[in-house]
C-alpha cells in the first residue's frame, strides 16, 4: 500500500514536470529573438500605438486629455516635454527592457516595452 502511494506521487510529480518542460519549450520556441518595441496605450478607449525602437524619432500623441511626446533613441523610449502639471512621467527616464513601464496619469497614457511578434 505504501509503495503504491509512493509510486502515485512519483508519477504525479513526473507528469507535472513534463508539463512544465513542454510549456517552457513552447515559450522559448515562440520567443521574439529579443526584439522589442514600445507600446503606448492611451485615452479612455485604450487606443494602442506600437512604436518601433530601431529608429530614432519623436512621436506626439493626442490622448484626448494632453498631447504626450515620446522620444525613441538608441533602442530606448521615454516621455519628454510632458504638458501635465507634475511631469512625473518624465522622471521614469529611458525604458529599454521588456516590461519596463512609465505612466502619465493626467494624460491617461502608459508606455511599456513589449516583445515584437
PDB file of N, CA and C in Angstrom:
ATOM      1  N   UNK A   1       0.831  -1.194   0.000  1.00  0.00           N
ATOM      2  CA  UNK A   1       0.000   0.000   0.000  1.00  0.00           C
ATOM      3  C   UNK A   1       0.870   1.251   0.000  1.00  0.00           C
ATOM      4  N   UNK A   2       1.912   1.250   0.821  1.00  0.00           N
ATOM      5  CA  UNK A   2       2.813   2.391   0.901  1.00  0.00           C
ATOM      6  C   UNK A   2       3.563   2.571  -0.409  1.00  0.00           C
ATOM      7  N   UNK A   3       3.971   1.466  -1.019  1.00  0.00           N
ATOM      8  CA  UNK A   3       4.674   1.539  -2.296  1.00  0.00           C
ATOM      9  C   UNK A   3       3.783   2.097  -3.400  1.00  0.00           C
ATOM     10  N   UNK A   4       2.493   1.743  -3.366  1.00  0.00           N
ATOM     11  CA  UNK A   4       1.549   2.238  -4.369  1.00  0.00           C
ATOM     12  C   UNK A   4       1.377   3.754  -4.245  1.00  0.00           C
ATOM     13  N   UNK A   5       1.298   4.245  -3.012  1.00  0.00           N
ATOM     14  CA  UNK A   5       1.157   5.691  -2.786  1.00  0.00           C
ATOM     15  C   UNK A   5       2.418   6.429  -3.236  1.00  0.00           C
ATOM     16  N   UNK A   6       3.587   5.865  -2.939  1.00  0.00           N
ATOM     17  CA  UNK A   6       4.846   6.456  -3.355  1.00  0.00           C
ATOM     18  C   UNK A   6       4.944   6.498  -4.877  1.00  0.00           C
ATOM     19  N   UNK A   7       4.558   5.411  -5.514  1.00  0.00           N
ATOM     20  CA  UNK A   7       4.588   5.346  -6.974  1.00  0.00           C
ATOM     21  C   UNK A   7       3.629   6.379  -7.578  1.00  0.00           C
ATOM     22  N   UNK A   8       2.464   6.533  -6.985  1.00  0.00           N
ATOM     23  CA  UNK A   8       1.487   7.518  -7.457  1.00  0.00           C
ATOM     24  C   UNK A   8       2.051   8.934  -7.331  1.00  0.00           C
ATOM     25  N   UNK A   9       2.688   9.232  -6.217  1.00  0.00           N
ATOM     26  CA  UNK A   9       3.288  10.561  -6.014  1.00  0.00           C
ATOM     27  C   UNK A   9       4.418  10.822  -7.010  1.00  0.00           C
ATOM     28  N   UNK A  10       5.241   9.826  -7.242  1.00  0.00           N
ATOM     29  CA  UNK A  10       6.337   9.985  -8.204  1.00  0.00           C
ATOM     30  C   UNK A  10       5.786  10.198  -9.607  1.00  0.00           C
ATOM     31  N   UNK A  11       4.764   9.430  -9.975  1.00  0.00           N
ATOM     32  CA  UNK A  11       4.140   9.583 -11.292  1.00  0.00           C
ATOM     33  C   UNK A  11       3.514  10.967 -11.446  1.00  0.00           C
ATOM     34  N   UNK A  12       2.842  11.435 -10.403  1.00  0.00           N
ATOM     35  CA  UNK A  12       2.238  12.768 -10.441  1.00  0.00           C
ATOM     36  C   UNK A  12       3.311  13.846 -10.622  1.00  0.00           C
ATOM     37  N   UNK A  13       4.392  13.749  -9.869  1.00  0.00           N
ATOM     38  CA  UNK A  13       5.485  14.722  -9.977  1.00  0.00           C
ATOM     39  C   UNK A  13       6.097  14.687 -11.375  1.00  0.00           C
ATOM     40  N   UNK A  14       6.251  13.500 -11.944  1.00  0.00           N
ATOM     41  CA  UNK A  14       6.818  13.372 -13.287  1.00  0.00           C
ATOM     42  C   UNK A  14       5.912  14.029 -14.325  1.00  0.00           C
ATOM     43  N   UNK A  15       4.611  13.851 -14.184  1.00  0.00           N
ATOM     44  CA  UNK A  15       3.663  14.465 -15.122  1.00  0.00           C
ATOM     45  C   UNK A  15       3.714  15.986 -15.007  1.00  0.00           C
ATOM     46  N   UNK A  16       3.744  16.514 -13.796  1.00  0.00           N
ATOM     47  CA  UNK A  16       3.817  17.963 -13.592  1.00  0.00           C
ATOM     48  C   UNK A  16       5.098  18.525 -14.193  1.00  0.00           C
ATOM     49  N   UNK A  17       6.212  17.846 -13.960  1.00  0.00           N
ATOM     50  CA  UNK A  17       7.489  18.303 -14.522  1.00  0.00           C
ATOM     51  C   UNK A  17       7.483  18.232 -16.051  1.00  0.00           C
ATOM     52  N   UNK A  18       6.876  17.209 -16.610  1.00  0.00           N
ATOM     53  CA  UNK A  18       6.795  17.094 -18.068  1.00  0.00           C
ATOM     54  C   UNK A  18       5.963  18.230 -18.653  1.00  0.00           C
ATOM     55  N   UNK A  19       4.854  18.551 -18.021  1.00  0.00           N
ATOM     56  CA  UNK A  19       4.012  19.660 -18.495  1.00  0.00           C
ATOM     57  C   UNK A  19       4.780  20.968 -18.409  1.00  0.00           C
ATOM     58  N   UNK A  20       5.490  21.188 -17.311  1.00  0.00           N
ATOM     59  CA  UNK A  20       6.278  22.410 -17.165  1.00  0.00           C
ATOM     60  C   UNK A  20       7.358  22.493 -18.233  1.00  0.00           C
ATOM     61  N   UNK A  21       8.001  21.376 -18.536  1.00  0.00           N
ATOM     62  CA  UNK A  21       9.044  21.368 -19.572  1.00  0.00           C
ATOM     63  C   UNK A  21       8.468  21.689 -20.940  1.00  0.00           C
ATOM     64  N   UNK A  22       7.291  21.141 -21.248  1.00  0.00           N
ATOM     65  CA  UNK A  22       6.643  21.426 -22.536  1.00  0.00           C
ATOM     66  C   UNK A  22       6.277  22.896 -22.626  1.00  0.00           C
ATOM     67  N   UNK A  23       5.705  23.457 -21.575  1.00  0.00           N
ATOM     68  CA  UNK A  23       5.343  24.877 -21.585  1.00  0.00           C
ATOM     69  C   UNK A  23       6.568  25.760 -21.744  1.00  0.00           C
ATOM     70  N   UNK A  24       7.648  25.430 -21.084  1.00  0.00           N
ATOM     71  CA  UNK A  24       8.887  26.189 -21.205  1.00  0.00           C
ATOM     72  C   UNK A  24       9.436  26.104 -22.624  1.00  0.00           C
ATOM     73  N   UNK A  25       9.386  24.922 -23.206  1.00  0.00           N
ATOM     74  CA  UNK A  25       9.875  24.747 -24.577  1.00  0.00           C
ATOM     75  C   UNK A  25       9.030  25.541 -25.569  1.00  0.00           C
ATOM     76  N   UNK A  26       7.733  25.525 -25.400  1.00  0.00           N
ATOM     77  CA  UNK A  26       6.844  26.278 -26.298  1.00  0.00           C
ATOM     78  C   UNK A  26       7.103  27.765 -26.166  1.00  0.00           C
ATOM     79  N   UNK A  27       7.250  28.235 -24.945  1.00  0.00           N
ATOM     80  CA  UNK A  27       7.508  29.656 -24.732  1.00  0.00           C
ATOM     81  C   UNK A  27       8.859  30.058 -25.314  1.00  0.00           C
ATOM     82  N   UNK A  28       9.867  29.242 -25.129  1.00  0.00           N
ATOM     83  CA  UNK A  28      11.189  29.539 -25.680  1.00  0.00           C
ATOM     84  C   UNK A  28      11.162  29.521 -27.194  1.00  0.00           C
ATOM     85  N   UNK A  29      10.407  28.595 -27.761  1.00  0.00           N
ATOM     86  CA  UNK A  29      10.321  28.487 -29.218  1.00  0.00           C
ATOM     87  C   UNK A  29       9.620  29.695 -29.828  1.00  0.00           C
ATOM     88  N   UNK A  30       8.657  30.244 -29.116  1.00  0.00           N
ATOM     89  CA  UNK A  30       7.906  31.382 -29.640  1.00  0.00           C
ATOM     90  C   UNK A  30       8.520  32.707 -29.225  1.00  0.00           C
ATOM     91  N   UNK A  31       9.723  32.688 -28.681  1.00  0.00           N
ATOM     92  CA  UNK A  31      10.398  33.924 -28.273  1.00  0.00           C
ATOM     93  C   UNK A  31      10.622  34.822 -29.478  1.00  0.00           C
ATOM     94  N   UNK A  32      10.842  36.087 -29.211  1.00  0.00           N
ATOM     95  CA  UNK A  32      10.925  37.080 -30.276  1.00  0.00           C
ATOM     96  C   UNK A  32      12.357  37.434 -30.628  1.00  0.00           C
ATOM     97  N   UNK A  33      13.292  36.596 -30.306  1.00  0.00           N
ATOM     98  CA  UNK A  33      14.697  36.853 -30.593  1.00  0.00           C
ATOM     99  C   UNK A  33      15.169  38.162 -29.983  1.00  0.00           C
ATOM    100  N   UNK A  34      14.555  38.569 -28.891  1.00  0.00           N
ATOM    101  CA  UNK A  34      14.992  39.764 -28.197  1.00  0.00           C
ATOM    102  C   UNK A  34      14.533  41.071 -28.812  1.00  0.00           C
ATOM    103  N   UNK A  35      13.741  41.026 -29.875  1.00  0.00           N
ATOM    104  CA  UNK A  35      13.264  42.265 -30.492  1.00  0.00           C
ATOM    105  C   UNK A  35      12.152  42.859 -29.644  1.00  0.00           C
ATOM    106  N   UNK A  36      12.292  44.155 -29.372  1.00  0.00           N
ATOM    107  CA  UNK A  36      11.340  44.843 -28.512  1.00  0.00           C
ATOM    108  C   UNK A  36      10.788  46.073 -29.202  1.00  0.00           C
ATOM    109  N   UNK A  37       9.641  46.534 -28.744  1.00  0.00           N
ATOM    110  CA  UNK A  37       9.029  47.772 -29.214  1.00  0.00           C
ATOM    111  C   UNK A  37       8.437  48.481 -27.997  1.00  0.00           C
ATOM    112  N   UNK A  38       8.179  49.756 -28.170  1.00  0.00           N
ATOM    113  CA  UNK A  38       7.452  50.499 -27.137  1.00  0.00           C
ATOM    114  C   UNK A  38       5.981  50.458 -27.523  1.00  0.00           C
ATOM    115  N   UNK A  39       5.127  50.269 -26.551  1.00  0.00           N
ATOM    116  CA  UNK A  39       3.695  50.266 -26.806  1.00  0.00           C
ATOM    117  C   UNK A  39       3.063  51.339 -25.928  1.00  0.00           C
ATOM    118  N   UNK A  40       2.342  52.259 -26.562  1.00  0.00           N
ATOM    119  CA  UNK A  40       1.650  53.316 -25.838  1.00  0.00           C
ATOM    120  C   UNK A  40       0.164  52.988 -25.837  1.00  0.00           C
ATOM    121  N   UNK A  41      -0.399  52.841 -24.657  1.00  0.00           N
ATOM    122  CA  UNK A  41      -1.844  52.653 -24.512  1.00  0.00           C
ATOM    123  C   UNK A  41      -2.372  53.937 -23.893  1.00  0.00           C
ATOM    124  N   UNK A  42      -3.374  54.546 -24.550  1.00  0.00           N
ATOM    125  CA  UNK A  42      -3.771  55.883 -24.113  1.00  0.00           C
ATOM    126  C   UNK A  42      -5.259  56.137 -24.309  1.00  0.00           C
ATOM    127  N   UNK A  43      -5.731  57.157 -23.594  1.00  0.00           N
ATOM    128  CA  UNK A  43      -7.100  57.642 -23.724  1.00  0.00           C
ATOM    129  C   UNK A  43      -8.123  56.761 -23.039  1.00  0.00           C
ATOM    130  N   UNK A  44      -9.353  57.227 -23.063  1.00  0.00           N
ATOM    131  CA  UNK A  44     -10.442  56.496 -22.423  1.00  0.00           C
ATOM    132  C   UNK A  44     -10.769  55.187 -23.126  1.00  0.00           C
ATOM    133  N   UNK A  45     -10.498  55.113 -24.430  1.00  0.00           N
ATOM    134  CA  UNK A  45     -10.818  53.896 -25.169  1.00  0.00           C
ATOM    135  C   UNK A  45      -9.630  52.939 -25.272  1.00  0.00           C
ATOM    136  N   UNK A  46      -8.544  53.234 -24.543  1.00  0.00           N
ATOM    137  CA  UNK A  46      -7.341  52.384 -24.523  1.00  0.00           C
ATOM    138  C   UNK A  46      -6.805  52.104 -25.921  1.00  0.00           C
ATOM    139  N   UNK A  47      -6.658  53.162 -26.703  1.00  0.00           N
ATOM    140  CA  UNK A  47      -6.056  53.022 -28.026  1.00  0.00           C
ATOM    141  C   UNK A  47      -4.613  52.554 -27.861  1.00  0.00           C
ATOM    142  N   UNK A  48      -4.107  51.817 -28.845  1.00  0.00           N
ATOM    143  CA  UNK A  48      -2.763  51.254 -28.778  1.00  0.00           C
ATOM    144  C   UNK A  48      -1.938  51.763 -29.953  1.00  0.00           C
ATOM    145  N   UNK A  49      -0.736  52.239 -29.641  1.00  0.00           N
ATOM    146  CA  UNK A  49       0.225  52.651 -30.660  1.00  0.00           C
ATOM    147  C   UNK A  49       1.513  51.879 -30.424  1.00  0.00           C
ATOM    148  N   UNK A  50       1.902  51.065 -31.408  1.00  0.00           N
ATOM    149  CA  UNK A  50       3.173  50.341 -31.322  1.00  0.00           C
ATOM    150  C   UNK A  50       4.258  51.205 -31.944  1.00  0.00           C
ATOM    151  N   UNK A  51       5.316  51.419 -31.195  1.00  0.00           N
ATOM    152  CA  UNK A  51       6.392  52.317 -31.611  1.00  0.00           C
ATOM    153  C   UNK A  51       7.675  51.505 -31.744  1.00  0.00           C
ATOM    154  N   UNK A  52       8.239  51.432 -32.954  1.00  0.00           N
ATOM    155  CA  UNK A  52       9.491  50.677 -33.116  1.00  0.00           C
ATOM    156  C   UNK A  52      10.637  51.365 -32.391  1.00  0.00           C
ATOM    157  N   UNK A  53      11.538  50.560 -31.848  1.00  0.00           N
ATOM    158  CA  UNK A  53      12.681  51.101 -31.124  1.00  0.00           C
ATOM    159  C   UNK A  53      13.935  51.159 -31.984  1.00  0.00           C
ATOM    160  N   UNK A  54      13.830  50.720 -33.239  1.00  0.00           N
ATOM    161  CA  UNK A  54      15.023  50.663 -34.084  1.00  0.00           C
ATOM    162  C   UNK A  54      15.265  51.925 -34.899  1.00  0.00           C
ATOM    163  N   UNK A  55      14.394  52.935 -34.743  1.00  0.00           N
ATOM    164  CA  UNK A  55      14.563  54.195 -35.467  1.00  0.00           C
ATOM    165  C   UNK A  55      14.398  55.353 -34.490  1.00  0.00           C
ATOM    166  N   UNK A  56      15.418  56.202 -34.393  1.00  0.00           N
ATOM    167  CA  UNK A  56      15.347  57.368 -33.513  1.00  0.00           C
ATOM    168  C   UNK A  56      14.313  58.348 -34.058  1.00  0.00           C
ATOM    169  N   UNK A  57      13.337  58.687 -33.224  1.00  0.00           N
ATOM    170  CA  UNK A  57      12.268  59.576 -33.660  1.00  0.00           C
ATOM    171  C   UNK A  57      11.506  60.089 -32.442  1.00  0.00           C
ATOM    172  N   UNK A  58      10.757  61.169 -32.626  1.00  0.00           N
ATOM    173  CA  UNK A  58       9.895  61.704 -31.583  1.00  0.00           C
ATOM    174  C   UNK A  58       8.444  61.597 -32.054  1.00  0.00           C
ATOM    175  N   UNK A  59       7.579  61.102 -31.188  1.00  0.00           N
ATOM    176  CA  UNK A  59       6.171  60.914 -31.503  1.00  0.00           C
ATOM    177  C   UNK A  59       5.338  61.837 -30.619  1.00  0.00           C
ATOM    178  N   UNK A  60       4.350  62.478 -31.201  1.00  0.00           N
ATOM    179  CA  UNK A  60       3.398  63.298 -30.448  1.00  0.00           C
ATOM    180  C   UNK A  60       2.028  62.661 -30.599  1.00  0.00           C
ATOM    181  N   UNK A  61       1.408  62.336 -29.471  1.00  0.00           N
ATOM    182  CA  UNK A  61       0.142  61.609 -29.495  1.00  0.00           C
ATOM    183  C   UNK A  61      -0.878  62.349 -28.642  1.00  0.00           C
ATOM    184  N   UNK A  62      -2.005  62.711 -29.251  1.00  0.00           N
ATOM    185  CA  UNK A  62      -3.103  63.352 -28.528  1.00  0.00           C
ATOM    186  C   UNK A  62      -3.911  62.260 -27.846  1.00  0.00           C
ATOM    187  N   UNK A  63      -3.905  62.248 -26.521  1.00  0.00           N
ATOM    188  CA  UNK A  63      -4.597  61.207 -25.763  1.00  0.00           C
ATOM    189  C   UNK A  63      -6.062  61.555 -25.491  1.00  0.00           C
ATOM    190  N   UNK A  64      -6.458  62.741 -25.881  1.00  0.00           N
ATOM    191  CA  UNK A  64      -7.793  63.217 -25.542  1.00  0.00           C
ATOM    192  C   UNK A  64      -7.778  64.098 -24.300  1.00  0.00           C
ATOM    193  N   UNK A  65      -6.683  64.082 -23.575  1.00  0.00           N
ATOM    194  CA  UNK A  65      -6.508  64.909 -22.385  1.00  0.00           C
ATOM    195  C   UNK A  65      -5.322  65.843 -22.559  1.00  0.00           C
ATOM    196  N   UNK A  66      -4.202  65.283 -22.956  1.00  0.00           N
ATOM    197  CA  UNK A  66      -2.982  66.023 -23.244  1.00  0.00           C
ATOM    198  C   UNK A  66      -2.335  65.408 -24.481  1.00  0.00           C
ATOM    199  N   UNK A  67      -1.438  66.151 -25.089  1.00  0.00           N
ATOM    200  CA  UNK A  67      -0.610  65.584 -26.141  1.00  0.00           C
ATOM    201  C   UNK A  67       0.708  65.177 -25.499  1.00  0.00           C
ATOM    202  N   UNK A  68       0.966  63.859 -25.477  1.00  0.00           N
ATOM    203  CA  UNK A  68       2.204  63.358 -24.885  1.00  0.00           C
ATOM    204  C   UNK A  68       3.252  63.240 -25.982  1.00  0.00           C
ATOM    205  N   UNK A  69       4.505  63.380 -25.578  1.00  0.00           N
ATOM    206  CA  UNK A  69       5.609  63.306 -26.519  1.00  0.00           C
ATOM    207  C   UNK A  69       6.514  62.163 -26.077  1.00  0.00           C
ATOM    208  N   UNK A  70       6.750  61.235 -27.002  1.00  0.00           N
ATOM    209  CA  UNK A  70       7.590  60.069 -26.741  1.00  0.00           C
ATOM    210  C   UNK A  70       8.833  60.190 -27.608  1.00  0.00           C
ATOM    211  N   UNK A  71       9.995  60.089 -26.985  1.00  0.00           N
ATOM    212  CA  UNK A  71      11.248  60.111 -27.727  1.00  0.00           C
ATOM    213  C   UNK A  71      11.818  58.694 -27.776  1.00  0.00           C
ATOM    214  N   UNK A  72      12.227  58.270 -28.980  1.00  0.00           N
ATOM    215  CA  UNK A  72      12.903  56.992 -29.168  1.00  0.00           C
ATOM    216  C   UNK A  72      14.325  57.288 -29.608  1.00  0.00           C
ATOM    217  N   UNK A  73      15.282  56.682 -28.898  1.00  0.00           N
ATOM    218  CA  UNK A  73      16.689  56.907 -29.241  1.00  0.00           C
ATOM    219  C   UNK A  73      17.513  55.711 -28.763  1.00  0.00           C
ATOM    220  N   UNK A  74      18.345  55.201 -29.641  1.00  0.00           N
ATOM    221  CA  UNK A  74      19.273  54.117 -29.305  1.00  0.00           C
ATOM    222  C   UNK A  74      18.579  52.913 -28.668  1.00  0.00           C
ATOM    223  N   UNK A  75      17.405  52.547 -29.190  1.00  0.00           N
ATOM    224  CA  UNK A  75      16.709  51.366 -28.696  1.00  0.00           C
ATOM    225  C   UNK A  75      15.966  51.551 -27.397  1.00  0.00           C
ATOM    226  N   UNK A  76      15.753  52.799 -26.972  1.00  0.00           N
ATOM    227  CA  UNK A  76      15.038  53.101 -25.731  1.00  0.00           C
ATOM    228  C   UNK A  76      13.957  54.142 -26.018  1.00  0.00           C
ATOM    229  N   UNK A  77      12.986  54.233 -25.131  1.00  0.00           N
ATOM    230  CA  UNK A  77      11.907  55.210 -25.287  1.00  0.00           C
ATOM    231  C   UNK A  77      11.640  55.882 -23.941  1.00  0.00           C
ATOM    232  N   UNK A  78      11.121  57.121 -24.009  1.00  0.00           N
ATOM    233  CA  UNK A  78      10.772  57.848 -22.782  1.00  0.00           C
ATOM    234  C   UNK A  78       9.761  58.938 -23.087  1.00  0.00           C
ATOM    235  N   UNK A  79       9.053  59.379 -22.039  1.00  0.00           N
ATOM    236  CA  UNK A  79       8.211  60.570 -22.131  1.00  0.00           C
ATOM    237  C   UNK A  79       9.122  61.791 -22.078  1.00  0.00           C
ATOM    238  N   UNK A  80       8.852  62.765 -22.933  1.00  0.00           N
ATOM    239  CA  UNK A  80       9.587  64.036 -22.874  1.00  0.00           C
ATOM    240  C   UNK A  80       8.601  65.186 -22.961  1.00  0.00           C
ATOM    241  N   UNK A  81       8.984  66.338 -22.468  1.00  0.00           N
ATOM    242  CA  UNK A  81       8.204  67.571 -22.582  1.00  0.00           C
ATOM    243  C   UNK A  81       6.725  67.351 -22.282  1.00  0.00           C
ATOM    244  N   UNK A  82       6.451  66.751 -21.153  1.00  0.00           N
ATOM    245  CA  UNK A  82       5.073  66.466 -20.792  1.00  0.00           C
ATOM    246  C   UNK A  82       4.334  67.752 -20.435  1.00  0.00           C
ATOM    247  N   UNK A  83       3.117  67.931 -20.960  1.00  0.00           N
ATOM    248  CA  UNK A  83       2.334  69.120 -20.612  1.00  0.00           C
ATOM    249  C   UNK A  83       1.562  68.961 -19.298  1.00  0.00           C
ATOM    250  N   UNK A  84       1.633  67.800 -18.687  1.00  0.00           N
ATOM    251  CA  UNK A  84       0.875  67.584 -17.453  1.00  0.00           C
ATOM    252  C   UNK A  84       1.494  68.387 -16.306  1.00  0.00           C
ATOM    253  N   UNK A  85       0.741  68.617 -15.242  1.00  0.00           N
ATOM    254  CA  UNK A  85       1.190  69.521 -14.182  1.00  0.00           C
ATOM    255  C   UNK A  85       2.409  69.055 -13.385  1.00  0.00           C
ATOM    256  N   UNK A  86       2.598  67.762 -13.202  1.00  0.00           N
ATOM    257  CA  UNK A  86       3.658  67.322 -12.297  1.00  0.00           C
ATOM    258  C   UNK A  86       4.883  66.710 -12.986  1.00  0.00           C
ATOM    259  N   UNK A  87       4.796  66.348 -14.243  1.00  0.00           N
ATOM    260  CA  UNK A  87       5.923  65.816 -15.036  1.00  0.00           C
ATOM    261  C   UNK A  87       6.534  64.534 -14.453  1.00  0.00           C
ATOM    262  N   UNK A  88       5.772  63.796 -13.682  1.00  0.00           N
ATOM    263  CA  UNK A  88       6.287  62.555 -13.094  1.00  0.00           C
ATOM    264  C   UNK A  88       6.670  61.555 -14.178  1.00  0.00           C
ATOM    265  N   UNK A  89       5.914  61.508 -15.260  1.00  0.00           N
ATOM    266  CA  UNK A  89       6.205  60.537 -16.320  1.00  0.00           C
ATOM    267  C   UNK A  89       7.597  60.744 -16.920  1.00  0.00           C
ATOM    268  N   UNK A  90       8.052  61.971 -16.954  1.00  0.00           N
ATOM    269  CA  UNK A  90       9.400  62.244 -17.471  1.00  0.00           C
ATOM    270  C   UNK A  90      10.462  61.647 -16.540  1.00  0.00           C
ATOM    271  N   UNK A  91      10.151  61.559 -15.269  1.00  0.00           N
ATOM    272  CA  UNK A  91      11.089  61.050 -14.281  1.00  0.00           C
ATOM    273  C   UNK A  91      11.362  59.555 -14.384  1.00  0.00           C
ATOM    274  N   UNK A  92      10.518  58.819 -15.115  1.00  0.00           N
ATOM    275  CA  UNK A  92      10.767  57.390 -15.286  1.00  0.00           C
ATOM    276  C   UNK A  92      12.016  57.154 -16.120  1.00  0.00           C
ATOM    277  N   UNK A  93      12.384  58.134 -16.939  1.00  0.00           N
ATOM    278  CA  UNK A  93      13.593  58.022 -17.744  1.00  0.00           C
ATOM    279  C   UNK A  93      13.442  57.082 -18.919  1.00  0.00           C
ATOM    280  N   UNK A  94      14.580  56.577 -19.382  1.00  0.00           N
ATOM    281  CA  UNK A  94      14.631  55.721 -20.567  1.00  0.00           C
ATOM    282  C   UNK A  94      14.170  54.313 -20.229  1.00  0.00           C
ATOM    283  N   UNK A  95      13.315  53.775 -21.080  1.00  0.00           N
ATOM    284  CA  UNK A  95      12.838  52.402 -20.946  1.00  0.00           C
ATOM    285  C   UNK A  95      13.436  51.591 -22.092  1.00  0.00           C
ATOM    286  N   UNK A  96      14.039  50.455 -21.770  1.00  0.00           N
ATOM    287  CA  UNK A  96      14.643  49.650 -22.834  1.00  0.00           C
ATOM    288  C   UNK A  96      14.506  48.150 -22.615  1.00  0.00           C
ATOM    289  N   UNK A  97      14.105  47.722 -21.427  1.00  0.00           N
ATOM    290  CA  UNK A  97      13.985  46.294 -21.130  1.00  0.00           C
ATOM    291  C   UNK A  97      12.514  45.886 -21.120  1.00  0.00           C
ATOM    292  N   UNK A  98      12.265  44.645 -21.520  1.00  0.00           N
ATOM    293  CA  UNK A  98      10.898  44.137 -21.565  1.00  0.00           C
ATOM    294  C   UNK A  98      10.184  44.345 -20.235  1.00  0.00           C
ATOM    295  N   UNK A  99       8.946  44.796 -20.318  1.00  0.00           N
ATOM    296  CA  UNK A  99       8.044  45.041 -19.191  1.00  0.00           C
ATOM    297  C   UNK A  99       8.346  46.306 -18.401  1.00  0.00           C
ATOM    298  N   UNK A 100       9.343  47.096 -18.782  1.00  0.00           N
ATOM    299  CA  UNK A 100       9.528  48.392 -18.124  1.00  0.00           C
ATOM    300  C   UNK A 100       8.368  49.291 -18.546  1.00  0.00           C
ATOM    301  N   UNK A 101       7.874  50.093 -17.609  1.00  0.00           N
ATOM    302  CA  UNK A 101       6.677  50.892 -17.850  1.00  0.00           C
ATOM    303  C   UNK A 101       6.823  52.277 -17.255  1.00  0.00           C
ATOM    304  N   UNK A 102       6.268  53.258 -17.972  1.00  0.00           N
ATOM    305  CA  UNK A 102       6.142  54.621 -17.463  1.00  0.00           C
ATOM    306  C   UNK A 102       4.693  55.048 -17.693  1.00  0.00           C
ATOM    307  N   UNK A 103       4.161  55.820 -16.758  1.00  0.00           N
ATOM    308  CA  UNK A 103       2.755  56.197 -16.827  1.00  0.00           C
ATOM    309  C   UNK A 103       2.595  57.694 -16.664  1.00  0.00           C
ATOM    310  N   UNK A 104       1.724  58.268 -17.485  1.00  0.00           N
ATOM    311  CA  UNK A 104       1.317  59.659 -17.330  1.00  0.00           C
ATOM    312  C   UNK A 104      -0.171  59.628 -16.991  1.00  0.00           C
ATOM    313  N   UNK A 105      -0.494  59.698 -15.711  1.00  0.00           N
ATOM    314  CA  UNK A 105      -1.890  59.581 -15.286  1.00  0.00           C
ATOM    315  C   UNK A 105      -2.780  60.707 -15.800  1.00  0.00           C
ATOM    316  N   UNK A 106      -2.344  61.984 -15.742  1.00  0.00           N
ATOM    317  CA  UNK A 106      -3.233  63.036 -16.240  1.00  0.00           C
ATOM    318  C   UNK A 106      -3.576  62.873 -17.723  1.00  0.00           C
ATOM    319  N   UNK A 107      -2.648  62.317 -18.496  1.00  0.00           N
ATOM    320  CA  UNK A 107      -2.900  62.109 -19.929  1.00  0.00           C
ATOM    321  C   UNK A 107      -3.538  60.755 -20.197  1.00  0.00           C
ATOM    322  N   UNK A 108      -3.655  59.953 -19.172  1.00  0.00           N
ATOM    323  CA  UNK A 108      -4.170  58.588 -19.319  1.00  0.00           C
ATOM    324  C   UNK A 108      -3.371  57.819 -20.375  1.00  0.00           C
ATOM    325  N   UNK A 109      -2.044  57.784 -20.170  1.00  0.00           N
ATOM    326  CA  UNK A 109      -1.142  57.146 -21.127  1.00  0.00           C
ATOM    327  C   UNK A 109      -0.145  56.257 -20.388  1.00  0.00           C
ATOM    328  N   UNK A 110       0.063  55.056 -20.923  1.00  0.00           N
ATOM    329  CA  UNK A 110       1.012  54.103 -20.357  1.00  0.00           C
ATOM    330  C   UNK A 110       1.962  53.662 -21.464  1.00  0.00           C
ATOM    331  N   UNK A 111       3.252  53.814 -21.218  1.00  0.00           N
ATOM    332  CA  UNK A 111       4.285  53.417 -22.166  1.00  0.00           C
ATOM    333  C   UNK A 111       4.985  52.184 -21.603  1.00  0.00           C
ATOM    334  N   UNK A 112       4.986  51.092 -22.372  1.00  0.00           N
ATOM    335  CA  UNK A 112       5.566  49.828 -21.915  1.00  0.00           C
ATOM    336  C   UNK A 112       6.443  49.244 -23.012  1.00  0.00           C
ATOM    337  N   UNK A 113       7.546  48.631 -22.612  1.00  0.00           N
ATOM    338  CA  UNK A 113       8.400  47.918 -23.563  1.00  0.00           C
ATOM    339  C   UNK A 113       7.887  46.491 -23.669  1.00  0.00           C
ATOM    340  N   UNK A 114       7.583  46.071 -24.903  1.00  0.00           N
ATOM    341  CA  UNK A 114       6.982  44.757 -25.150  1.00  0.00           C
ATOM    342  C   UNK A 114       7.748  44.011 -26.227  1.00  0.00           C
ATOM    343  N   UNK A 115       7.657  42.672 -26.225  1.00  0.00           N
ATOM    344  CA  UNK A 115       8.285  41.901 -27.297  1.00  0.00           C
ATOM    345  C   UNK A 115       7.541  42.117 -28.621  1.00  0.00           C
ATOM    346  N   UNK A 116       8.284  42.092 -29.714  1.00  0.00           N
ATOM    347  CA  UNK A 116       7.684  42.232 -31.044  1.00  0.00           C
ATOM    348  C   UNK A 116       7.266  40.853 -31.512  1.00  0.00           C
ATOM    349  N   UNK A 117       6.092  40.765 -32.059  1.00  0.00           N
ATOM    350  CA  UNK A 117       5.688  39.480 -32.629  1.00  0.00           C
ATOM    351  C   UNK A 117       4.378  39.109 -32.218  1.00  0.00           C
TER     352      UNK A 117
END
